[in-house]
């Protein structure tokens, strides 16, 4: 993933919508289906370019890479209903301003749960919760939500809609039974 320095940025303000820098996050993941279960893991690292106009506009802010590991266990109750438990660990990301090291090293662990129901080939609804287990910095928060998802594509796009209602199993699936396999990021 690549994040461009978009959003308005005011070098003379401490709080900004934009970050005035690029970030790059290569990530690799594995997934293994075991009957009704799907186990997933992913490792990624975010690299940041310098912000050469950090507050008050003449400072240089640098940030160390931020490492992330995620694990997901998804259970398919039936072809249209699934639930998942998730765990995420972040570490790194310490910043320096003009060479002075800040006390903002991130070491955070979070967990989450999701329950999703496909309504038809295009619509699904999900409820989710995620919360901090451990937070070294000020990132200990809880999120609870409900989301409606509309999928614009219907057909044989198995990578995006593998096994969702209205799709036929393709040659990649081992059995004739169709199972929705979501990709979750907490």
N, C-alpha and C. Protein backbone atom coordinates (compact mmCIF):
# COMPACT_ATOMS: atom_id res chain seq x y z
N UNK A 1 0.85 -1.15 0.00
CA UNK A 1 0.00 0.00 0.00
C UNK A 1 0.91 1.23 0.00
N UNK A 2 0.50 2.22 -0.77
CA UNK A 2 1.22 3.49 -0.84
C UNK A 2 0.26 4.59 -0.44
N UNK A 3 0.69 5.45 0.49
CA UNK A 3 -0.11 6.59 0.91
C UNK A 3 0.59 7.86 0.48
N UNK A 4 -0.11 8.67 -0.32
CA UNK A 4 0.44 9.92 -0.81
C UNK A 4 0.20 11.03 0.21
N UNK A 5 1.00 12.08 0.14
CA UNK A 5 0.83 13.20 1.08
C UNK A 5 -0.35 14.10 0.69
N UNK A 6 -1.54 13.55 0.78
CA UNK A 6 -2.74 14.31 0.44
C UNK A 6 -3.32 14.97 1.69
N UNK A 7 -4.28 15.81 1.51
CA UNK A 7 -4.89 16.52 2.63
C UNK A 7 -4.18 17.83 2.87
N UNK A 8 -4.91 18.80 3.31
CA UNK A 8 -4.34 20.12 3.56
C UNK A 8 -3.34 20.04 4.70
N UNK A 9 -2.19 20.67 4.48
CA UNK A 9 -1.13 20.67 5.48
C UNK A 9 -0.67 22.10 5.72
N UNK A 10 -0.67 22.50 6.99
CA UNK A 10 -0.20 23.82 7.40
C UNK A 10 1.05 23.63 8.24
N UNK A 11 2.23 23.99 7.75
CA UNK A 11 3.47 23.77 8.51
C UNK A 11 3.51 24.50 9.85
N UNK A 12 2.73 25.58 9.99
CA UNK A 12 2.75 26.35 11.23
C UNK A 12 1.72 25.86 12.25
N UNK A 13 1.00 24.78 11.94
CA UNK A 13 0.00 24.21 12.86
C UNK A 13 0.48 22.85 13.34
N UNK A 14 0.27 22.55 14.61
CA UNK A 14 0.69 21.26 15.18
C UNK A 14 -0.25 20.13 14.77
N UNK A 15 -1.55 20.44 14.55
CA UNK A 15 -2.53 19.43 14.14
C UNK A 15 -2.92 19.69 12.69
N UNK A 16 -2.84 18.65 11.86
CA UNK A 16 -3.14 18.75 10.44
C UNK A 16 -3.91 17.53 9.96
N UNK A 17 -4.69 17.71 8.91
CA UNK A 17 -5.34 16.57 8.25
C UNK A 17 -4.31 15.81 7.43
N UNK A 18 -3.45 16.51 6.72
CA UNK A 18 -2.41 15.89 5.91
C UNK A 18 -1.16 15.61 6.74
N UNK A 19 -0.28 14.76 6.22
CA UNK A 19 0.96 14.42 6.94
C UNK A 19 2.21 14.95 6.25
N UNK A 20 2.06 15.45 5.03
CA UNK A 20 3.18 16.03 4.27
C UNK A 20 4.33 15.03 4.09
N UNK A 21 3.97 13.76 3.86
CA UNK A 21 4.98 12.73 3.62
C UNK A 21 4.31 11.53 2.96
N UNK A 22 5.12 10.69 2.38
CA UNK A 22 4.66 9.44 1.78
C UNK A 22 4.86 8.32 2.80
N UNK A 23 4.06 7.25 2.64
CA UNK A 23 4.33 6.01 3.37
C UNK A 23 4.13 4.84 2.42
N UNK A 24 4.88 3.77 2.67
CA UNK A 24 4.86 2.56 1.84
C UNK A 24 4.73 1.37 2.76
N UNK A 25 3.77 0.48 2.49
CA UNK A 25 3.59 -0.68 3.35
C UNK A 25 3.54 -1.96 2.52
N UNK A 26 4.67 -2.63 2.36
CA UNK A 26 4.63 -3.97 1.78
C UNK A 26 4.09 -4.94 2.84
N UNK A 27 3.32 -5.93 2.39
CA UNK A 27 2.71 -6.88 3.32
C UNK A 27 2.64 -8.24 2.65
N UNK A 28 2.83 -9.29 3.44
CA UNK A 28 2.72 -10.65 2.94
C UNK A 28 1.81 -11.42 3.90
N UNK A 29 0.99 -12.29 3.34
CA UNK A 29 0.06 -13.05 4.16
C UNK A 29 -0.07 -14.49 3.70
N UNK A 30 -0.57 -15.31 4.60
CA UNK A 30 -0.86 -16.71 4.30
C UNK A 30 -2.28 -17.01 4.77
N UNK A 31 -2.89 -17.97 4.12
CA UNK A 31 -4.25 -18.36 4.47
C UNK A 31 -4.39 -19.86 4.27
N UNK A 32 -5.07 -20.51 5.19
CA UNK A 32 -5.27 -21.95 5.10
C UNK A 32 -6.69 -22.29 5.52
N UNK A 33 -7.45 -22.91 4.62
CA UNK A 33 -8.81 -23.36 4.93
C UNK A 33 -8.73 -24.76 5.53
N UNK A 34 -9.42 -24.96 6.66
CA UNK A 34 -9.48 -26.24 7.34
C UNK A 34 -10.94 -26.54 7.65
N UNK A 35 -11.65 -27.14 6.72
CA UNK A 35 -13.07 -27.39 6.91
C UNK A 35 -13.84 -26.09 6.96
N UNK A 36 -14.58 -25.88 8.04
CA UNK A 36 -15.36 -24.65 8.20
C UNK A 36 -14.50 -23.46 8.64
N UNK A 37 -13.25 -23.72 9.02
CA UNK A 37 -12.35 -22.68 9.51
C UNK A 37 -11.42 -22.18 8.42
N UNK A 38 -11.06 -20.92 8.49
CA UNK A 38 -9.99 -20.35 7.68
C UNK A 38 -9.05 -19.62 8.63
N UNK A 39 -7.77 -19.98 8.59
CA UNK A 39 -6.76 -19.34 9.41
C UNK A 39 -5.90 -18.46 8.52
N UNK A 40 -5.64 -17.23 8.98
CA UNK A 40 -4.87 -16.28 8.19
C UNK A 40 -3.83 -15.60 9.07
N UNK A 41 -2.73 -15.26 8.45
CA UNK A 41 -1.71 -14.47 9.12
C UNK A 41 -1.11 -13.50 8.12
N UNK A 42 -0.70 -12.33 8.59
CA UNK A 42 -0.09 -11.34 7.70
C UNK A 42 0.97 -10.57 8.47
N UNK A 43 2.06 -10.25 7.76
CA UNK A 43 3.12 -9.43 8.32
C UNK A 43 3.38 -8.28 7.37
N UNK A 44 3.47 -7.09 7.91
CA UNK A 44 3.74 -5.92 7.09
C UNK A 44 4.61 -4.94 7.83
N UNK A 45 5.22 -4.04 7.09
CA UNK A 45 6.03 -2.98 7.68
C UNK A 45 5.77 -1.70 6.89
N UNK A 46 5.52 -0.61 7.62
CA UNK A 46 5.26 0.67 6.99
C UNK A 46 6.52 1.53 7.09
N UNK A 47 6.96 2.02 5.92
CA UNK A 47 8.11 2.91 5.84
C UNK A 47 7.60 4.32 5.56
N UNK A 48 8.23 5.32 6.17
CA UNK A 48 7.80 6.71 6.05
C UNK A 48 8.91 7.57 5.47
N UNK A 49 8.55 8.51 4.60
CA UNK A 49 9.50 9.52 4.18
C UNK A 49 9.50 10.64 5.22
N UNK A 50 10.46 11.53 5.14
CA UNK A 50 10.57 12.64 6.09
C UNK A 50 9.52 13.72 5.80
N UNK A 51 9.09 14.39 6.84
CA UNK A 51 8.28 15.60 6.71
C UNK A 51 9.25 16.75 6.95
N UNK A 52 9.66 17.42 5.88
CA UNK A 52 10.65 18.50 5.97
C UNK A 52 10.06 19.85 6.35
N UNK A 53 8.75 19.89 6.62
CA UNK A 53 8.11 21.15 7.01
C UNK A 53 7.28 20.94 8.28
N UNK A 54 7.82 20.14 9.22
CA UNK A 54 7.10 19.87 10.45
C UNK A 54 7.06 21.12 11.32
N UNK A 55 6.08 21.18 12.21
CA UNK A 55 5.86 22.34 13.07
C UNK A 55 7.15 22.82 13.71
N UNK A 56 7.46 24.06 13.67
CA UNK A 56 6.68 25.22 13.22
C UNK A 56 6.88 25.57 11.75
N UNK A 57 7.30 24.61 10.95
CA UNK A 57 7.48 24.81 9.51
C UNK A 57 8.91 24.69 9.07
N UNK A 58 9.83 24.65 10.03
CA UNK A 58 11.26 24.56 9.71
C UNK A 58 11.89 23.29 10.27
N UNK A 59 11.10 22.46 10.95
CA UNK A 59 11.63 21.23 11.56
C UNK A 59 11.53 20.07 10.59
N UNK A 60 12.34 19.03 10.85
CA UNK A 60 12.29 17.80 10.07
C UNK A 60 11.84 16.68 11.00
N UNK A 61 10.73 16.01 10.62
CA UNK A 61 10.22 14.89 11.41
C UNK A 61 10.51 13.60 10.65
N UNK A 62 11.16 12.66 11.32
CA UNK A 62 11.45 11.35 10.75
C UNK A 62 10.74 10.30 11.58
N UNK A 63 10.39 9.17 10.96
CA UNK A 63 9.73 8.09 11.70
C UNK A 63 10.33 6.75 11.30
N UNK A 64 10.65 5.96 12.34
CA UNK A 64 11.15 4.60 12.11
C UNK A 64 10.04 3.74 11.52
N UNK A 65 10.39 2.62 10.89
CA UNK A 65 9.37 1.72 10.35
C UNK A 65 8.43 1.21 11.46
N UNK A 66 7.19 1.01 11.09
CA UNK A 66 6.18 0.46 12.00
C UNK A 66 5.85 -0.95 11.52
N UNK A 67 6.11 -1.95 12.37
CA UNK A 67 5.89 -3.35 12.04
C UNK A 67 4.51 -3.79 12.52
N UNK A 68 3.84 -4.63 11.75
CA UNK A 68 2.51 -5.10 12.13
C UNK A 68 2.39 -6.59 11.82
N UNK A 69 1.76 -7.32 12.74
CA UNK A 69 1.44 -8.73 12.54
C UNK A 69 -0.03 -8.92 12.87
N UNK A 70 -0.74 -9.65 12.00
CA UNK A 70 -2.16 -9.91 12.21
C UNK A 70 -2.42 -11.40 12.10
N UNK A 71 -3.36 -11.88 12.90
CA UNK A 71 -3.81 -13.27 12.83
C UNK A 71 -5.34 -13.26 12.88
N UNK A 72 -5.95 -14.09 12.05
CA UNK A 72 -7.41 -14.17 11.96
C UNK A 72 -7.84 -15.63 11.94
N UNK A 73 -8.90 -15.94 12.66
CA UNK A 73 -9.54 -17.26 12.61
C UNK A 73 -11.01 -17.01 12.26
N UNK A 74 -11.41 -17.50 11.10
CA UNK A 74 -12.77 -17.28 10.61
C UNK A 74 -13.51 -18.60 10.58
N UNK A 75 -14.74 -18.59 11.08
CA UNK A 75 -15.57 -19.79 11.05
C UNK A 75 -16.79 -19.51 10.16
N UNK A 76 -17.03 -20.42 9.21
CA UNK A 76 -18.17 -20.31 8.31
C UNK A 76 -19.31 -21.16 8.87
N UNK A 77 -20.31 -20.49 9.43
CA UNK A 77 -21.46 -21.19 10.00
C UNK A 77 -22.30 -21.83 8.91
N UNK A 78 -22.43 -21.14 7.79
CA UNK A 78 -23.11 -21.65 6.60
C UNK A 78 -22.62 -20.80 5.43
N UNK A 79 -23.07 -21.05 4.20
CA UNK A 79 -22.53 -20.29 3.07
C UNK A 79 -22.76 -18.78 3.12
N UNK A 80 -23.63 -18.30 3.99
CA UNK A 80 -23.90 -16.86 4.03
C UNK A 80 -23.58 -16.19 5.37
N UNK A 81 -23.18 -16.96 6.38
CA UNK A 81 -22.92 -16.40 7.70
C UNK A 81 -21.53 -16.83 8.18
N UNK A 82 -20.72 -15.86 8.58
CA UNK A 82 -19.39 -16.17 9.11
C UNK A 82 -19.08 -15.27 10.30
N UNK A 83 -18.18 -15.75 11.14
CA UNK A 83 -17.69 -14.99 12.28
C UNK A 83 -16.18 -15.11 12.34
N UNK A 84 -15.52 -14.11 12.91
CA UNK A 84 -14.06 -14.14 12.97
C UNK A 84 -13.56 -13.54 14.27
N UNK A 85 -12.43 -14.06 14.73
CA UNK A 85 -11.67 -13.48 15.83
C UNK A 85 -10.33 -13.02 15.26
N UNK A 86 -9.87 -11.87 15.71
CA UNK A 86 -8.68 -11.27 15.13
C UNK A 86 -7.74 -10.80 16.24
N UNK A 87 -6.45 -10.80 15.94
CA UNK A 87 -5.42 -10.33 16.86
C UNK A 87 -4.39 -9.56 16.04
N UNK A 88 -3.97 -8.39 16.52
CA UNK A 88 -3.01 -7.56 15.81
C UNK A 88 -1.96 -7.04 16.80
N UNK A 89 -0.72 -7.00 16.34
CA UNK A 89 0.39 -6.47 17.12
C UNK A 89 1.10 -5.42 16.28
N UNK A 90 1.35 -4.25 16.86
CA UNK A 90 2.12 -3.19 16.22
C UNK A 90 3.36 -2.92 17.07
N UNK A 91 4.48 -2.66 16.41
CA UNK A 91 5.71 -2.32 17.15
C UNK A 91 6.58 -1.43 16.27
N UNK A 92 7.17 -0.42 16.88
CA UNK A 92 8.07 0.47 16.16
C UNK A 92 7.47 1.86 15.99
N UNK A 93 7.87 2.54 14.92
CA UNK A 93 7.28 3.83 14.57
C UNK A 93 7.75 5.01 15.39
N UNK A 94 8.85 4.86 16.13
CA UNK A 94 9.34 5.99 16.95
C UNK A 94 9.75 7.14 16.03
N UNK A 95 9.46 8.37 16.47
CA UNK A 95 9.77 9.55 15.66
C UNK A 95 10.92 10.35 16.27
N UNK A 96 11.56 11.14 15.41
CA UNK A 96 12.54 12.12 15.83
C UNK A 96 12.19 13.44 15.15
N UNK A 97 12.41 14.53 15.85
CA UNK A 97 12.24 15.87 15.28
C UNK A 97 13.56 16.59 15.43
N UNK A 98 14.14 16.96 14.28
CA UNK A 98 15.45 17.63 14.25
C UNK A 98 16.50 16.83 15.01
N UNK A 99 16.43 15.50 14.91
CA UNK A 99 17.41 14.62 15.54
C UNK A 99 17.14 14.28 16.98
N UNK A 100 16.13 14.87 17.59
CA UNK A 100 15.79 14.57 18.98
C UNK A 100 14.77 13.44 19.03
N UNK A 101 15.11 12.35 19.72
CA UNK A 101 14.26 11.17 19.80
C UNK A 101 13.05 11.43 20.69
N UNK A 102 11.86 11.12 20.18
CA UNK A 102 10.62 11.26 20.96
C UNK A 102 10.30 9.96 21.70
N UNK A 103 9.53 10.06 22.75
CA UNK A 103 9.11 8.91 23.54
C UNK A 103 7.77 8.40 23.03
N UNK A 104 7.73 7.97 21.75
CA UNK A 104 6.47 7.55 21.14
C UNK A 104 6.58 6.20 20.41
N UNK A 105 7.52 5.37 20.87
CA UNK A 105 7.64 4.01 20.32
C UNK A 105 6.31 3.29 20.52
N UNK A 106 5.77 2.72 19.44
CA UNK A 106 4.50 2.00 19.54
C UNK A 106 4.73 0.53 19.85
N UNK A 107 3.98 0.03 20.80
CA UNK A 107 3.98 -1.38 21.15
C UNK A 107 2.55 -1.67 21.59
N UNK A 108 1.72 -2.04 20.64
CA UNK A 108 0.28 -2.15 20.88
C UNK A 108 -0.23 -3.52 20.43
N UNK A 109 -1.14 -4.06 21.22
CA UNK A 109 -1.81 -5.32 20.87
C UNK A 109 -3.31 -5.08 20.92
N UNK A 110 -4.02 -5.57 19.89
CA UNK A 110 -5.46 -5.40 19.81
C UNK A 110 -6.12 -6.73 19.46
N UNK A 111 -7.37 -6.88 19.84
CA UNK A 111 -8.16 -8.05 19.45
C UNK A 111 -9.47 -7.55 18.86
N UNK A 112 -10.11 -8.41 18.10
CA UNK A 112 -11.38 -8.02 17.50
C UNK A 112 -12.24 -9.23 17.20
N UNK A 113 -13.51 -8.96 16.93
CA UNK A 113 -14.47 -9.99 16.55
C UNK A 113 -15.42 -9.39 15.52
N UNK A 114 -15.82 -10.20 14.56
CA UNK A 114 -16.74 -9.77 13.51
C UNK A 114 -17.74 -10.88 13.25
N UNK A 115 -18.98 -10.50 13.00
CA UNK A 115 -20.02 -11.43 12.57
C UNK A 115 -20.67 -10.81 11.34
N UNK A 116 -20.71 -11.55 10.22
CA UNK A 116 -21.23 -11.02 8.96
C UNK A 116 -22.25 -11.97 8.35
N UNK A 117 -23.27 -11.37 7.76
CA UNK A 117 -24.34 -12.11 7.09
C UNK A 117 -24.51 -11.58 5.67
N UNK A 118 -24.34 -12.44 4.66
CA UNK A 118 -24.64 -12.05 3.29
C UNK A 118 -26.15 -12.06 3.12
N UNK A 119 -26.67 -10.99 2.52
CA UNK A 119 -28.11 -10.89 2.30
C UNK A 119 -28.50 -11.35 0.91
N UNK A 120 -27.64 -11.08 -0.07
CA UNK A 120 -27.83 -11.55 -1.44
C UNK A 120 -26.47 -11.45 -2.13
N UNK A 121 -26.43 -11.56 -3.46
CA UNK A 121 -25.16 -11.57 -4.18
C UNK A 121 -24.40 -10.25 -4.07
N UNK A 122 -25.07 -9.18 -3.70
CA UNK A 122 -24.42 -7.87 -3.63
C UNK A 122 -24.34 -7.27 -2.23
N UNK A 123 -25.23 -7.64 -1.33
CA UNK A 123 -25.34 -6.97 -0.03
C UNK A 123 -24.99 -7.89 1.13
N UNK A 124 -24.32 -7.31 2.12
CA UNK A 124 -24.08 -8.02 3.37
C UNK A 124 -24.06 -6.99 4.50
N UNK A 125 -24.26 -7.51 5.68
CA UNK A 125 -24.26 -6.66 6.88
C UNK A 125 -23.32 -7.31 7.88
N UNK A 126 -22.57 -6.49 8.62
CA UNK A 126 -21.68 -7.06 9.62
C UNK A 126 -21.63 -6.17 10.85
N UNK A 127 -21.43 -6.82 11.99
CA UNK A 127 -21.21 -6.13 13.26
C UNK A 127 -19.80 -6.48 13.70
N UNK A 128 -19.14 -5.53 14.33
CA UNK A 128 -17.75 -5.77 14.71
C UNK A 128 -17.41 -5.05 16.00
N UNK A 129 -16.37 -5.54 16.64
CA UNK A 129 -15.84 -4.98 17.87
C UNK A 129 -14.34 -5.16 17.83
N UNK A 130 -13.58 -4.13 18.21
CA UNK A 130 -12.16 -4.34 18.44
C UNK A 130 -11.73 -3.47 19.61
N UNK A 131 -10.75 -3.95 20.34
CA UNK A 131 -10.34 -3.27 21.57
C UNK A 131 -8.85 -3.49 21.80
N UNK A 132 -8.27 -2.60 22.57
CA UNK A 132 -6.87 -2.72 22.93
C UNK A 132 -6.67 -3.73 24.05
N UNK A 133 -5.64 -4.54 23.93
CA UNK A 133 -5.23 -5.46 24.99
C UNK A 133 -4.10 -4.81 25.78
N UNK A 134 -3.15 -4.25 25.05
CA UNK A 134 -2.02 -3.54 25.65
C UNK A 134 -1.67 -2.38 24.74
N UNK A 135 -1.44 -1.21 25.30
CA UNK A 135 -1.04 -0.05 24.52
C UNK A 135 0.02 0.73 25.29
N UNK A 136 1.22 0.82 24.70
CA UNK A 136 2.29 1.59 25.32
C UNK A 136 2.04 3.09 25.11
N UNK A 137 1.51 3.44 23.94
CA UNK A 137 1.21 4.84 23.64
C UNK A 137 -0.29 5.06 23.78
N UNK A 138 -0.80 6.20 23.38
CA UNK A 138 -2.20 6.54 23.58
C UNK A 138 -3.17 5.93 22.59
N UNK A 139 -2.96 4.69 22.22
CA UNK A 139 -3.82 4.05 21.22
C UNK A 139 -4.74 3.00 21.82
N UNK A 140 -5.06 3.12 23.11
CA UNK A 140 -5.95 2.16 23.75
C UNK A 140 -7.38 2.67 23.63
N UNK A 141 -8.13 2.10 22.69
CA UNK A 141 -9.51 2.51 22.45
C UNK A 141 -10.32 1.28 22.03
N UNK A 142 -11.62 1.39 22.10
CA UNK A 142 -12.53 0.33 21.69
C UNK A 142 -13.43 0.85 20.58
N UNK A 143 -13.66 0.02 19.57
CA UNK A 143 -14.54 0.36 18.46
C UNK A 143 -15.64 -0.68 18.36
N UNK A 144 -16.87 -0.23 18.27
CA UNK A 144 -18.02 -1.11 18.04
C UNK A 144 -18.76 -0.53 16.86
N UNK A 145 -19.19 -1.38 15.94
CA UNK A 145 -19.87 -0.85 14.78
C UNK A 145 -20.73 -1.85 14.06
N UNK A 146 -21.50 -1.33 13.14
CA UNK A 146 -22.30 -2.12 12.23
C UNK A 146 -22.09 -1.53 10.85
N UNK A 147 -21.93 -2.38 9.86
CA UNK A 147 -21.65 -1.90 8.50
C UNK A 147 -22.51 -2.65 7.49
N UNK A 148 -22.94 -1.93 6.49
CA UNK A 148 -23.60 -2.52 5.34
C UNK A 148 -22.60 -2.45 4.19
N UNK A 149 -22.40 -3.57 3.52
CA UNK A 149 -21.44 -3.64 2.42
C UNK A 149 -22.17 -3.95 1.13
N UNK A 150 -21.86 -3.17 0.10
CA UNK A 150 -22.40 -3.44 -1.23
C UNK A 150 -21.26 -3.83 -2.14
N UNK A 151 -21.37 -5.00 -2.77
CA UNK A 151 -20.36 -5.48 -3.71
C UNK A 151 -20.84 -5.15 -5.11
N UNK A 152 -20.06 -4.37 -5.84
CA UNK A 152 -20.44 -3.95 -7.19
C UNK A 152 -20.31 -5.09 -8.18
N UNK A 153 -19.47 -6.05 -7.90
CA UNK A 153 -19.18 -7.12 -8.85
C UNK A 153 -19.99 -8.36 -8.52
N UNK A 154 -20.53 -8.98 -9.54
CA UNK A 154 -21.18 -10.27 -9.37
C UNK A 154 -20.68 -11.15 -10.51
N UNK A 155 -20.35 -12.37 -10.21
CA UNK A 155 -19.87 -13.26 -11.26
C UNK A 155 -18.78 -14.15 -10.74
N UNK A 156 -17.71 -14.32 -11.53
CA UNK A 156 -16.70 -15.31 -11.21
C UNK A 156 -15.46 -14.71 -10.54
N UNK A 157 -15.54 -13.55 -9.97
CA UNK A 157 -14.40 -12.95 -9.29
C UNK A 157 -14.22 -13.62 -7.93
N UNK A 158 -13.64 -14.81 -7.92
CA UNK A 158 -13.52 -15.59 -6.70
C UNK A 158 -12.60 -14.96 -5.67
N UNK A 159 -11.60 -14.18 -6.10
CA UNK A 159 -10.71 -13.58 -5.12
C UNK A 159 -11.44 -12.56 -4.27
N UNK A 160 -12.37 -11.84 -4.86
CA UNK A 160 -13.11 -10.83 -4.09
C UNK A 160 -14.35 -11.41 -3.44
N UNK A 161 -15.01 -12.35 -4.10
CA UNK A 161 -16.32 -12.81 -3.65
C UNK A 161 -16.39 -14.32 -3.51
N UNK A 162 -15.29 -14.95 -3.20
CA UNK A 162 -15.20 -16.40 -3.18
C UNK A 162 -16.34 -17.03 -2.40
N UNK A 163 -17.20 -17.74 -3.11
CA UNK A 163 -18.23 -18.52 -2.47
C UNK A 163 -19.43 -17.74 -1.99
N UNK A 164 -19.55 -16.47 -2.26
CA UNK A 164 -20.71 -15.72 -1.79
C UNK A 164 -21.93 -16.09 -2.61
N UNK A 165 -23.12 -15.88 -2.08
CA UNK A 165 -24.35 -16.29 -2.78
C UNK A 165 -24.37 -15.76 -4.21
N UNK A 166 -24.83 -16.60 -5.11
CA UNK A 166 -24.93 -16.22 -6.51
C UNK A 166 -23.72 -16.61 -7.33
N UNK A 167 -22.64 -17.07 -6.69
CA UNK A 167 -21.44 -17.47 -7.41
C UNK A 167 -21.38 -18.98 -7.49
N UNK A 168 -20.73 -19.46 -8.55
CA UNK A 168 -20.53 -20.89 -8.72
C UNK A 168 -19.10 -21.24 -8.31
N UNK A 169 -18.89 -22.40 -7.68
CA UNK A 169 -17.53 -22.79 -7.34
C UNK A 169 -16.69 -22.90 -8.61
N UNK A 170 -15.49 -22.40 -8.57
CA UNK A 170 -14.59 -22.48 -9.71
C UNK A 170 -13.59 -23.61 -9.53
N UNK A 171 -12.64 -23.72 -10.44
CA UNK A 171 -11.67 -24.82 -10.38
C UNK A 171 -10.74 -24.75 -9.17
N UNK A 172 -10.60 -23.57 -8.53
CA UNK A 172 -9.71 -23.45 -7.39
C UNK A 172 -10.29 -24.07 -6.13
N UNK A 173 -11.62 -24.23 -6.06
CA UNK A 173 -12.25 -24.77 -4.87
C UNK A 173 -12.20 -26.29 -4.89
N UNK A 174 -11.88 -26.88 -3.76
CA UNK A 174 -11.71 -28.33 -3.68
C UNK A 174 -13.04 -29.08 -3.73
N UNK A 175 -14.10 -28.50 -3.14
CA UNK A 175 -15.36 -29.22 -3.07
C UNK A 175 -16.43 -28.47 -3.85
N UNK A 176 -17.59 -29.09 -3.98
CA UNK A 176 -18.72 -28.45 -4.65
C UNK A 176 -19.40 -27.46 -3.71
N UNK A 177 -19.14 -27.58 -2.39
CA UNK A 177 -19.77 -26.69 -1.43
C UNK A 177 -19.09 -25.32 -1.49
N UNK A 178 -19.87 -24.28 -1.40
CA UNK A 178 -19.37 -22.92 -1.53
C UNK A 178 -19.35 -22.24 -0.17
N UNK A 179 -18.22 -21.61 0.18
CA UNK A 179 -18.08 -20.96 1.48
C UNK A 179 -17.57 -19.54 1.25
N UNK A 180 -18.19 -18.54 1.92
CA UNK A 180 -17.68 -17.15 1.86
C UNK A 180 -16.43 -17.09 2.73
N UNK A 181 -15.35 -16.56 2.19
CA UNK A 181 -14.12 -16.41 2.95
C UNK A 181 -13.75 -14.94 2.95
N UNK A 182 -14.00 -14.21 4.04
CA UNK A 182 -13.72 -12.78 4.06
C UNK A 182 -12.25 -12.49 4.36
N UNK A 183 -11.84 -11.29 4.05
CA UNK A 183 -10.52 -10.79 4.42
C UNK A 183 -10.75 -9.67 5.41
N UNK A 184 -10.30 -9.85 6.64
CA UNK A 184 -10.53 -8.88 7.70
C UNK A 184 -9.23 -8.22 8.10
N UNK A 185 -9.28 -6.94 8.35
CA UNK A 185 -8.16 -6.24 8.95
C UNK A 185 -8.68 -5.46 10.13
N UNK A 186 -8.08 -5.69 11.24
CA UNK A 186 -8.53 -4.98 12.45
C UNK A 186 -7.57 -3.84 12.70
